[in-house]
Amino acid sequence: MDAATRIESTLADAVLLAEASGAPPRLAAAMRHAVFPKGARIRPRLSIAVAMACGDDRPRLSSAAAASIELLHCASLVHDDMPCFDDADTRRGRASVHRAFGEPLAVLAGDALIVLAFQTVARAAPCAPERLGPVIGAIGDGVGVPFGIVAGQAWECEPEVNLSDYQRQKTGALFAAATVAGAAAAGAPDPEAWRMLGDRLGEAYQVADDLRDAVEDEATIGKPVGRDKALGRPSAVAEFGLDGAVRRLATLAEAAVAAIPACPGQGRLRALILEETRRLLPAKLATA
């Protein structure tokens, strides 16, 4: 079974839990709206790619870890789109969850997706119980405090912020969770050695997102643009200018590839990361 099929199958099974008989149907619908149809699934694909590079001898656990990362990402988007943050009407080309279901259900759906991420990993634990601790620890670190995506979002409420800290936590933390959890699920001897790859790749994706927000249009990327400038948020474009942000993106992409630890599948993973990072530069800048 290929990585994409594994991810979608595990996510579908997870969301079915919310649709159990007697559960609130609109909450389940809001959760499904947040998870499907799929986005790029970058983070879970990265997690499985790392697991495969490390041997992937417990695919049920690595699939669950990858799906949990995506559920956490979807939860963060639900909350990020709400009026208290971005006040975004659309996500992935359709109504954001709070526009489609109302703010109360959006809060609850985001919360439920966070819990569902950990339920999903717990249900896979019997296949490798000795690996559960490191996997759960990596995922929890990626979403919580002191340096997870919740902390990254909270920097927007501070009077001053270091751009690198902000981007590393808001975006890079979940990428780091994806790489470390993927390695831990596969039984790699030192899962923490994979953190730098996730950190650098995640920061590169955030810089690319800043560039898209500055130069693309809503029809192209499926969500409102110009929000960083309108809301006065930290961004690579605001700090370095357009050309400087493009250079920053290239530097981070190179650092991500260089950070891949030695492993049985290092060559294949290096090629995959190179291919992914080449796609990060927005099309309007690539052809400029």
C-alpha atoms as a PDB file:
ATOM      1  CA  MET A   1       0.000   0.000   0.000  1.00  0.00           C
ATOM      2  CA  ASP A   2       1.476   3.370  -0.984  1.00  0.00           C
ATOM      3  CA  ALA A   3       1.900   6.251   1.463  1.00  0.00           C
ATOM      4  CA  ALA A   4      -1.064   8.276   0.191  1.00  0.00           C
ATOM      5  CA  THR A   5      -3.430   5.317   0.506  1.00  0.00           C
ATOM      6  CA  ARG A   6      -2.158   4.540   3.997  1.00  0.00           C
ATOM      7  CA  ILE A   7      -2.718   8.130   5.108  1.00  0.00           C
ATOM      8  CA  GLU A   8      -6.231   8.477   3.676  1.00  0.00           C
ATOM      9  CA  SER A   9      -7.315   5.070   4.971  1.00  0.00           C
ATOM     10  CA  THR A  10      -6.078   5.797   8.497  1.00  0.00           C
ATOM     11  CA  LEU A  11      -7.663   9.264   8.518  1.00  0.00           C
ATOM     12  CA  ALA A  12     -10.979   7.850   7.277  1.00  0.00           C
ATOM     13  CA  ASP A  13     -10.984   5.225  10.032  1.00  0.00           C
ATOM     14  CA  ALA A  14     -10.166   7.898  12.625  1.00  0.00           C
ATOM     15  CA  VAL A  15     -12.976  10.246  11.592  1.00  0.00           C
ATOM     16  CA  LEU A  16     -15.451   7.353  11.627  1.00  0.00           C
ATOM     17  CA  LEU A  17     -14.989   7.292  15.392  1.00  0.00           C
ATOM     18  CA  ALA A  18     -16.766  10.662  15.598  1.00  0.00           C
ATOM     19  CA  GLU A  19     -19.676   9.279  13.584  1.00  0.00           C
ATOM     20  CA  ALA A  20     -20.550   6.515  16.042  1.00  0.00           C
ATOM     21  CA  SER A  21     -24.242   5.972  16.737  1.00  0.00           C
ATOM     22  CA  GLY A  22     -25.414   8.397  19.396  1.00  0.00           C
ATOM     23  CA  ALA A  23     -22.616  10.937  18.842  1.00  0.00           C
ATOM     24  CA  PRO A  24     -23.483  14.552  17.831  1.00  0.00           C
ATOM     25  CA  PRO A  25     -23.836  14.390  14.032  1.00  0.00           C
ATOM     26  CA  ARG A  26     -23.018  18.038  13.308  1.00  0.00           C
ATOM     27  CA  LEU A  27     -19.781  17.812  15.293  1.00  0.00           C
ATOM     28  CA  ALA A  28     -18.804  14.771  13.234  1.00  0.00           C
ATOM     29  CA  ALA A  29     -19.717  16.636  10.040  1.00  0.00           C
ATOM     30  CA  ALA A  30     -17.582  19.615  11.066  1.00  0.00           C
ATOM     31  CA  MET A  31     -14.622  17.325  11.771  1.00  0.00           C
ATOM     32  CA  ARG A  32     -15.019  15.597   8.416  1.00  0.00           C
ATOM     33  CA  HIS A  33     -15.253  19.004   6.714  1.00  0.00           C
ATOM     34  CA  ALA A  34     -11.918  19.938   8.302  1.00  0.00           C
ATOM     35  CA  VAL A  35     -10.115  16.775   7.220  1.00  0.00           C
ATOM     36  CA  PHE A  36     -11.664  16.021   3.809  1.00  0.00           C
ATOM     37  CA  PRO A  37     -11.248  16.638   0.961  1.00  0.00           C
ATOM     38  CA  LYS A  38      -7.544  16.327   1.462  1.00  0.00           C
ATOM     39  CA  GLY A  39      -4.955  19.065   1.271  1.00  0.00           C
ATOM     40  CA  ALA A  40      -1.378  18.371   0.252  1.00  0.00           C
ATOM     41  CA  ARG A  41      -0.846  16.041   3.244  1.00  0.00           C
ATOM     42  CA  ILE A  42       2.760  17.233   3.354  1.00  0.00           C
ATOM     43  CA  ARG A  43       3.368  16.456   7.021  1.00  0.00           C
ATOM     44  CA  PRO A  44       2.019  12.877   7.082  1.00  0.00           C
ATOM     45  CA  ARG A  45       3.784  12.080   3.803  1.00  0.00           C
ATOM     46  CA  LEU A  46       7.024  13.317   5.381  1.00  0.00           C
ATOM     47  CA  SER A  47       6.419  11.189   8.477  1.00  0.00           C
ATOM     48  CA  ILE A  48       5.888   8.013   6.461  1.00  0.00           C
ATOM     49  CA  ALA A  49       8.845   8.829   4.196  1.00  0.00           C
ATOM     50  CA  VAL A  50      11.095   9.031   7.267  1.00  0.00           C
ATOM     51  CA  ALA A  51       9.640   5.795   8.669  1.00  0.00           C
ATOM     52  CA  MET A  52      10.291   4.046   5.346  1.00  0.00           C
ATOM     53  CA  ALA A  53      13.844   5.392   5.233  1.00  0.00           C
ATOM     54  CA  CYS A  54      14.341   3.850   8.692  1.00  0.00           C
ATOM     55  CA  GLY A  55      12.883   0.450   7.759  1.00  0.00           C
ATOM     56  CA  ASP A  56       9.158   0.916   8.579  1.00  0.00           C
ATOM     57  CA  ASP A  57       8.819  -2.466  10.303  1.00  0.00           C
ATOM     58  CA  ARG A  58       5.618  -1.417  12.130  1.00  0.00           C
ATOM     59  CA  PRO A  59       3.533   0.225   9.370  1.00  0.00           C
ATOM     60  CA  ARG A  60       0.363   0.319  11.464  1.00  0.00           C
ATOM     61  CA  LEU A  61       2.072   2.515  14.054  1.00  0.00           C
ATOM     62  CA  SER A  62       3.812   4.732  11.496  1.00  0.00           C
ATOM     63  CA  SER A  63       0.528   5.207   9.609  1.00  0.00           C
ATOM     64  CA  ALA A  64      -1.222   6.153  12.855  1.00  0.00           C
ATOM     65  CA  ALA A  65       1.566   8.596  13.747  1.00  0.00           C
ATOM     66  CA  ALA A  66       1.364  10.186  10.303  1.00  0.00           C
ATOM     67  CA  ALA A  67      -2.430  10.491  10.497  1.00  0.00           C
ATOM     68  CA  SER A  68      -2.206  12.024  13.962  1.00  0.00           C
ATOM     69  CA  ILE A  69       0.120  14.719  12.619  1.00  0.00           C
ATOM     70  CA  GLU A  70      -2.413  15.545   9.899  1.00  0.00           C
ATOM     71  CA  LEU A  71      -5.307  15.629  12.382  1.00  0.00           C
ATOM     72  CA  LEU A  72      -3.358  18.104  14.502  1.00  0.00           C
ATOM     73  CA  HIS A  73      -2.597  20.197  11.433  1.00  0.00           C
ATOM     74  CA  CYS A  74      -6.281  20.231  10.455  1.00  0.00           C
ATOM     75  CA  ALA A  75      -7.219  21.224  13.997  1.00  0.00           C
ATOM     76  CA  SER A  76      -4.776  24.115  13.863  1.00  0.00           C
ATOM     77  CA  LEU A  77      -6.316  25.325  10.584  1.00  0.00           C
ATOM     78  CA  VAL A  78      -9.822  25.243  12.051  1.00  0.00           C
ATOM     79  CA  HIS A  79      -8.736  27.416  14.957  1.00  0.00           C
ATOM     80  CA  ASP A  80      -6.448  29.625  12.854  1.00  0.00           C
ATOM     81  CA  ASP A  81      -9.313  30.509  10.496  1.00  0.00           C
ATOM     82  CA  MET A  82     -11.599  31.743  13.289  1.00  0.00           C
ATOM     83  CA  PRO A  83     -12.460  35.439  13.772  1.00  0.00           C
ATOM     84  CA  CYS A  84     -10.158  35.780  16.798  1.00  0.00           C
ATOM     85  CA  PHE A  85      -7.171  34.920  14.557  1.00  0.00           C
ATOM     86  CA  ASP A  86      -7.279  35.173  10.741  1.00  0.00           C
ATOM     87  CA  ASP A  87     -11.063  35.544  10.308  1.00  0.00           C
ATOM     88  CA  ALA A  88     -10.804  33.537   7.079  1.00  0.00           C
ATOM     89  CA  ASP A  89     -13.947  32.712   5.108  1.00  0.00           C
ATOM     90  CA  THR A  90     -12.368  29.968   3.012  1.00  0.00           C
ATOM     91  CA  ARG A  91      -9.948  27.079   3.375  1.00  0.00           C
ATOM     92  CA  ARG A  92      -8.888  24.688   0.618  1.00  0.00           C
ATOM     93  CA  GLY A  93     -11.225  26.431  -1.777  1.00  0.00           C
ATOM     94  CA  ARG A  94     -14.414  26.156   0.268  1.00  0.00           C
ATOM     95  CA  ALA A  95     -16.023  27.583   3.406  1.00  0.00           C
ATOM     96  CA  SER A  96     -13.894  27.433   6.517  1.00  0.00           C
ATOM     97  CA  VAL A  97     -15.337  25.335   9.345  1.00  0.00           C
ATOM     98  CA  HIS A  98     -16.619  28.272  11.396  1.00  0.00           C
ATOM     99  CA  ARG A  99     -18.365  29.708   8.325  1.00  0.00           C
ATOM    100  CA  ALA A 100     -19.946  26.377   7.462  1.00  0.00           C
ATOM    101  CA  PHE A 101     -20.904  25.247  10.983  1.00  0.00           C
ATOM    102  CA  GLY A 102     -20.659  28.281  13.265  1.00  0.00           C
ATOM    103  CA  GLU A 103     -18.033  29.324  15.789  1.00  0.00           C
ATOM    104  CA  PRO A 104     -19.066  27.057  18.696  1.00  0.00           C
ATOM    105  CA  LEU A 105     -18.831  23.897  16.592  1.00  0.00           C
ATOM    106  CA  ALA A 106     -15.570  25.087  15.037  1.00  0.00           C
ATOM    107  CA  VAL A 107     -13.986  25.392  18.488  1.00  0.00           C
ATOM    108  CA  LEU A 108     -15.279  21.960  19.471  1.00  0.00           C
ATOM    109  CA  ALA A 109     -14.286  20.346  16.171  1.00  0.00           C
ATOM    110  CA  GLY A 110     -10.747  21.658  16.486  1.00  0.00           C
ATOM    111  CA  ASP A 111     -10.539  20.426  20.078  1.00  0.00           C
ATOM    112  CA  ALA A 112     -11.954  17.025  19.113  1.00  0.00           C
ATOM    113  CA  LEU A 113      -9.443  16.637  16.275  1.00  0.00           C
ATOM    114  CA  ILE A 114      -6.584  17.266  18.712  1.00  0.00           C
ATOM    115  CA  VAL A 115      -7.841  14.517  21.011  1.00  0.00           C
ATOM    116  CA  LEU A 116      -8.576  12.235  18.040  1.00  0.00           C
ATOM    117  CA  ALA A 117      -4.931  12.480  17.009  1.00  0.00           C
ATOM    118  CA  PHE A 118      -3.849  10.873  20.273  1.00  0.00           C
ATOM    119  CA  GLN A 119      -6.710   8.364  20.211  1.00  0.00           C
ATOM    120  CA  THR A 120      -5.501   7.262  16.781  1.00  0.00           C
ATOM    121  CA  VAL A 121      -1.981   6.575  17.989  1.00  0.00           C
ATOM    122  CA  ALA A 122      -3.249   4.836  21.133  1.00  0.00           C
ATOM    123  CA  ARG A 123      -5.360   2.450  19.055  1.00  0.00           C
ATOM    124  CA  ALA A 124      -2.254   1.410  17.098  1.00  0.00           C
ATOM    125  CA  ALA A 125      -0.099   0.966  20.205  1.00  0.00           C
ATOM    126  CA  PRO A 126      -0.524  -2.836  20.593  1.00  0.00           C
ATOM    127  CA  CYS A 127       1.630  -3.468  17.508  1.00  0.00           C
ATOM    128  CA  ALA A 128       4.678  -1.873  19.191  1.00  0.00           C
ATOM    129  CA  PRO A 129       3.887  -0.766  22.771  1.00  0.00           C
ATOM    130  CA  GLU A 130       7.552  -0.127  23.564  1.00  0.00           C
ATOM    131  CA  ARG A 131       7.621   2.624  20.911  1.00  0.00           C
ATOM    132  CA  LEU A 132       4.484   4.414  22.050  1.00  0.00           C
ATOM    133  CA  GLY A 133       6.239   6.715  24.550  1.00  0.00           C
ATOM    134  CA  PRO A 134       8.680   8.267  22.059  1.00  0.00           C
ATOM    135  CA  VAL A 135       5.967   8.604  19.403  1.00  0.00           C
ATOM    136  CA  ILE A 136       3.504  10.289  21.771  1.00  0.00           C
ATOM    137  CA  GLY A 137       6.269  12.493  23.170  1.00  0.00           C
ATOM    138  CA  ALA A 138       7.279  13.694  19.705  1.00  0.00           C
ATOM    139  CA  ILE A 139       3.697  14.453  18.708  1.00  0.00           C
ATOM    140  CA  GLY A 140       2.922  16.223  21.983  1.00  0.00           C
ATOM    141  CA  ASP A 141       6.056  18.353  21.730  1.00  0.00           C
ATOM    142  CA  GLY A 142       5.043  19.362  18.223  1.00  0.00           C
ATOM    143  CA  VAL A 143       1.645  20.702  19.233  1.00  0.00           C
ATOM    144  CA  GLY A 144       1.980  21.897  22.845  1.00  0.00           C
ATOM    145  CA  VAL A 145       4.306  23.933  25.027  1.00  0.00           C
ATOM    146  CA  PRO A 146       6.946  25.168  25.267  1.00  0.00           C
ATOM    147  CA  PHE A 147       7.794  25.172  21.534  1.00  0.00           C
ATOM    148  CA  GLY A 148       4.895  23.535  19.680  1.00  0.00           C
ATOM    149  CA  ILE A 149       2.401  25.048  17.258  1.00  0.00           C
ATOM    150  CA  VAL A 150       0.227  26.384  20.091  1.00  0.00           C
ATOM    151  CA  ALA A 151       3.215  28.362  21.345  1.00  0.00           C
ATOM    152  CA  GLY A 152       3.906  29.480  17.775  1.00  0.00           C
ATOM    153  CA  GLN A 153       0.382  30.842  17.426  1.00  0.00           C
ATOM    154  CA  ALA A 154       0.692  32.545  20.808  1.00  0.00           C
ATOM    155  CA  TRP A 155       3.638  34.637  19.571  1.00  0.00           C
ATOM    156  CA  GLU A 156       1.075  36.630  17.589  1.00  0.00           C
ATOM    157  CA  CYS A 157      -0.247  37.865  20.944  1.00  0.00           C
ATOM    158  CA  GLU A 158       3.171  39.078  22.164  1.00  0.00           C
ATOM    159  CA  PRO A 159       4.398  42.674  21.734  1.00  0.00           C
ATOM    160  CA  GLU A 160       7.724  41.525  20.246  1.00  0.00           C
ATOM    161  CA  VAL A 161       8.708  38.368  18.412  1.00  0.00           C
ATOM    162  CA  ASN A 162      11.805  36.834  16.868  1.00  0.00           C
ATOM    163  CA  LEU A 163      10.782  35.791  13.351  1.00  0.00           C
ATOM    164  CA  SER A 164      12.809  32.578  13.377  1.00  0.00           C
ATOM    165  CA  ASP A 165      11.354  31.490  16.742  1.00  0.00           C
ATOM    166  CA  TYR A 166       7.852  32.309  15.514  1.00  0.00           C
ATOM    167  CA  GLN A 167       8.177  30.381  12.272  1.00  0.00           C
ATOM    168  CA  ARG A 168      10.031  27.457  13.832  1.00  0.00           C
ATOM    169  CA  GLN A 169       7.258  27.002  16.370  1.00  0.00           C
ATOM    170  CA  LYS A 170       4.181  27.919  14.343  1.00  0.00           C
ATOM    171  CA  THR A 171       5.083  25.702  11.388  1.00  0.00           C
ATOM    172  CA  GLY A 172       8.394  23.945  11.947  1.00  0.00           C
ATOM    173  CA  ALA A 173       7.316  22.262  15.194  1.00  0.00           C
ATOM    174  CA  LEU A 174       4.766  20.009  13.512  1.00  0.00           C
ATOM    175  CA  PHE A 175       7.211  19.154  10.733  1.00  0.00           C
ATOM    176  CA  ALA A 176       9.740  18.218  13.413  1.00  0.00           C
ATOM    177  CA  ALA A 177       7.077  16.104  15.113  1.00  0.00           C
ATOM    178  CA  ALA A 178       6.467  14.368  11.779  1.00  0.00           C
ATOM    179  CA  THR A 179      10.116  13.449  11.288  1.00  0.00           C
ATOM    180  CA  VAL A 180      10.816  12.427  14.899  1.00  0.00           C
ATOM    181  CA  ALA A 181       7.565  10.454  15.255  1.00  0.00           C
ATOM    182  CA  GLY A 182       8.154   8.699  11.933  1.00  0.00           C
ATOM    183  CA  ALA A 183      11.633   7.656  13.031  1.00  0.00           C
ATOM    184  CA  ALA A 184      10.386   6.584  16.474  1.00  0.00           C
ATOM    185  CA  ALA A 185       7.532   4.534  14.976  1.00  0.00           C
ATOM    186  CA  ALA A 186      10.068   2.688  12.815  1.00  0.00           C
ATOM    187  CA  GLY A 187      12.320   1.966  15.792  1.00  0.00           C
ATOM    188  CA  ALA A 188      15.214   4.215  14.725  1.00  0.00           C
ATOM    189  CA  PRO A 189      17.967   4.192  17.380  1.00  0.00           C
ATOM    190  CA  ASP A 190      18.004   8.001  17.777  1.00  0.00           C
ATOM    191  CA  PRO A 191      14.705   9.572  16.654  1.00  0.00           C
ATOM    192  CA  GLU A 192      15.795  12.996  17.914  1.00  0.00           C
ATOM    193  CA  ALA A 193      18.488  13.040  15.232  1.00  0.00           C
ATOM    194  CA  TRP A 194      15.636  13.650  12.771  1.00  0.00           C
ATOM    195  CA  ARG A 195      14.430  16.856  14.419  1.00  0.00           C
ATOM    196  CA  MET A 196      16.692  19.194  12.464  1.00  0.00           C
ATOM    197  CA  LEU A 197      15.280  17.974   9.148  1.00  0.00           C
ATOM    198  CA  GLY A 198      11.760  18.786  10.314  1.00  0.00           C
ATOM    199  CA  ASP A 199      12.778  22.133  11.803  1.00  0.00           C
ATOM    200  CA  ARG A 200      14.439  23.348   8.626  1.00  0.00           C
ATOM    201  CA  LEU A 201      11.828  21.957   6.264  1.00  0.00           C
ATOM    202  CA  GLY A 202       9.000  23.410   8.339  1.00  0.00           C
ATOM    203  CA  GLU A 203      10.585  26.848   8.462  1.00  0.00           C
ATOM    204  CA  ALA A 204      11.071  26.681   4.692  1.00  0.00           C
ATOM    205  CA  TYR A 205       7.374  25.908   4.227  1.00  0.00           C
ATOM    206  CA  GLN A 206       6.444  28.886   6.418  1.00  0.00           C
ATOM    207  CA  VAL A 207       8.639  31.228   4.366  1.00  0.00           C
ATOM    208  CA  ALA A 208       7.008  29.823   1.215  1.00  0.00           C
ATOM    209  CA  ASP A 209       3.586  30.443   2.769  1.00  0.00           C
ATOM    210  CA  ASP A 210       4.602  34.034   3.541  1.00  0.00           C
ATOM    211  CA  LEU A 211       5.600  34.454  -0.096  1.00  0.00           C
ATOM    212  CA  ARG A 212       2.306  32.988  -1.336  1.00  0.00           C
ATOM    213  CA  ASP A 213       0.374  35.303   0.977  1.00  0.00           C
ATOM    214  CA  ALA A 214       2.235  38.256  -0.542  1.00  0.00           C
ATOM    215  CA  VAL A 215       2.129  37.427  -4.258  1.00  0.00           C
ATOM    216  CA  GLU A 216      -0.592  34.858  -5.012  1.00  0.00           C
ATOM    217  CA  ASP A 217      -4.377  35.250  -5.239  1.00  0.00           C
ATOM    218  CA  GLU A 218      -7.151  33.481  -3.359  1.00  0.00           C
ATOM    219  CA  ALA A 219      -8.309  31.528  -6.392  1.00  0.00           C
ATOM    220  CA  THR A 220      -4.858  29.976  -6.763  1.00  0.00           C
ATOM    221  CA  ILE A 221      -4.196  28.917  -3.164  1.00  0.00           C
ATOM    222  CA  GLY A 222      -7.758  28.404  -1.889  1.00  0.00           C
ATOM    223  CA  LYS A 223      -7.605  30.773   1.082  1.00  0.00           C
ATOM    224  CA  PRO A 224      -7.535  34.545   1.671  1.00  0.00           C
ATOM    225  CA  VAL A 225      -4.278  36.339   0.822  1.00  0.00           C
ATOM    226  CA  GLY A 226      -2.639  39.488   2.125  1.00  0.00           C
ATOM    227  CA  ARG A 227      -3.500  38.537   5.706  1.00  0.00           C
ATOM    228  CA  ASP A 228       0.041  38.918   7.093  1.00  0.00           C
ATOM    229  CA  LYS A 229       0.198  42.562   6.032  1.00  0.00           C
ATOM    230  CA  ALA A 230      -3.417  43.311   6.956  1.00  0.00           C
ATOM    231  CA  LEU A 231      -3.039  41.845  10.452  1.00  0.00           C
ATOM    232  CA  GLY A 232       0.502  43.094  11.029  1.00  0.00           C
ATOM    233  CA  ARG A 233       1.822  39.608  11.634  1.00  0.00           C
ATOM    234  CA  PRO A 234       5.504  38.656  11.497  1.00  0.00           C
ATOM    235  CA  SER A 235       6.518  37.316   8.088  1.00  0.00           C
ATOM    236  CA  ALA A 236       9.644  36.662   6.063  1.00  0.00           C
ATOM    237  CA  VAL A 237       8.460  39.124   3.415  1.00  0.00           C
ATOM    238  CA  ALA A 238       7.983  41.899   5.986  1.00  0.00           C
ATOM    239  CA  GLU A 239      11.389  41.271   7.548  1.00  0.00           C
ATOM    240  CA  PHE A 240      13.571  40.480   4.521  1.00  0.00           C
ATOM    241  CA  GLY A 241      11.625  41.884   1.567  1.00  0.00           C
ATOM    242  CA  LEU A 242      10.489  39.756  -1.374  1.00  0.00           C
ATOM    243  CA  ASP A 243      13.961  38.988  -2.750  1.00  0.00           C
ATOM    244  CA  GLY A 244      15.376  38.365   0.717  1.00  0.00           C
ATOM    245  CA  ALA A 245      12.560  35.951   1.533  1.00  0.00           C
ATOM    246  CA  VAL A 246      13.253  34.018  -1.673  1.00  0.00           C
ATOM    247  CA  ARG A 247      16.921  33.716  -0.678  1.00  0.00           C
ATOM    248  CA  ARG A 248      15.902  32.652   2.839  1.00  0.00           C
ATOM    249  CA  LEU A 249      13.711  29.933   1.360  1.00  0.00           C
ATOM    250  CA  ALA A 250      16.596  28.573  -0.729  1.00  0.00           C
ATOM    251  CA  THR A 251      18.943  28.526   2.276  1.00  0.00           C
ATOM    252  CA  LEU A 252      16.445  26.645   4.438  1.00  0.00           C
ATOM    253  CA  ALA A 253      15.696  24.107   1.703  1.00  0.00           C
ATOM    254  CA  GLU A 254      19.413  23.352   1.345  1.00  0.00           C
ATOM    255  CA  ALA A 255      19.756  23.030   5.125  1.00  0.00           C
ATOM    256  CA  ALA A 256      16.842  20.578   5.243  1.00  0.00           C
ATOM    257  CA  VAL A 257      18.428  18.265   2.694  1.00  0.00           C
ATOM    258  CA  ALA A 258      21.783  18.448   4.484  1.00  0.00           C
ATOM    259  CA  ALA A 259      20.118  17.511   7.802  1.00  0.00           C
ATOM    260  CA  ILE A 260      18.967  14.038   6.733  1.00  0.00           C
ATOM    261  CA  PRO A 261      20.682  11.555   9.085  1.00  0.00           C
ATOM    262  CA  ALA A 262      22.394   8.416   7.872  1.00  0.00           C
ATOM    263  CA  CYS A 263      19.798   5.656   7.379  1.00  0.00           C
ATOM    264  CA  PRO A 264      19.101   2.718   5.041  1.00  0.00           C
ATOM    265  CA  GLY A 265      16.888   4.832   2.764  1.00  0.00           C
ATOM    266  CA  GLN A 266      18.909   8.039   2.848  1.00  0.00           C
ATOM    267  CA  GLY A 267      19.350   8.333  -0.936  1.00  0.00           C
ATOM    268  CA  ARG A 268      15.687   7.924  -1.742  1.00  0.00           C
ATOM    269  CA  LEU A 269      14.650  10.313   1.019  1.00  0.00           C
ATOM    270  CA  ARG A 270      17.169  12.922  -0.131  1.00  0.00           C
ATOM    271  CA  ALA A 271      15.719  12.782  -3.651  1.00  0.00           C
ATOM    272  CA  LEU A 272      12.184  13.138  -2.279  1.00  0.00           C
ATOM    273  CA  ILE A 273      13.056  16.151  -0.114  1.00  0.00           C
ATOM    274  CA  LEU A 274      14.863  17.819  -3.024  1.00  0.00           C
ATOM    275  CA  GLU A 275      11.793  17.338  -5.223  1.00  0.00           C
ATOM    276  CA  GLU A 276       9.473  18.752  -2.546  1.00  0.00           C
ATOM    277  CA  THR A 277      11.611  21.802  -1.800  1.00  0.00           C
ATOM    278  CA  ARG A 278      11.831  22.729  -5.497  1.00  0.00           C
ATOM    279  CA  ARG A 279       8.050  23.113  -5.504  1.00  0.00           C
ATOM    280  CA  LEU A 280       7.995  25.591  -2.637  1.00  0.00           C
ATOM    281  CA  LEU A 281       8.744  28.759  -4.577  1.00  0.00           C
ATOM    282  CA  PRO A 282       5.422  30.291  -5.721  1.00  0.00           C
ATOM    283  CA  ALA A 283       4.838  29.923  -9.444  1.00  0.00           C
ATOM    284  CA  LYS A 284       4.625  33.690  -9.974  1.00  0.00           C
ATOM    285  CA  LEU A 285       8.148  34.101  -8.588  1.00  0.00           C
ATOM    286  CA  ALA A 286       9.551  31.043 -10.309  1.00  0.00           C
ATOM    287  CA  THR A 287       8.601  32.473 -13.672  1.00  0.00           C
ATOM    288  CA  ALA A 288       9.491  36.082 -12.892  1.00  0.00           C
END
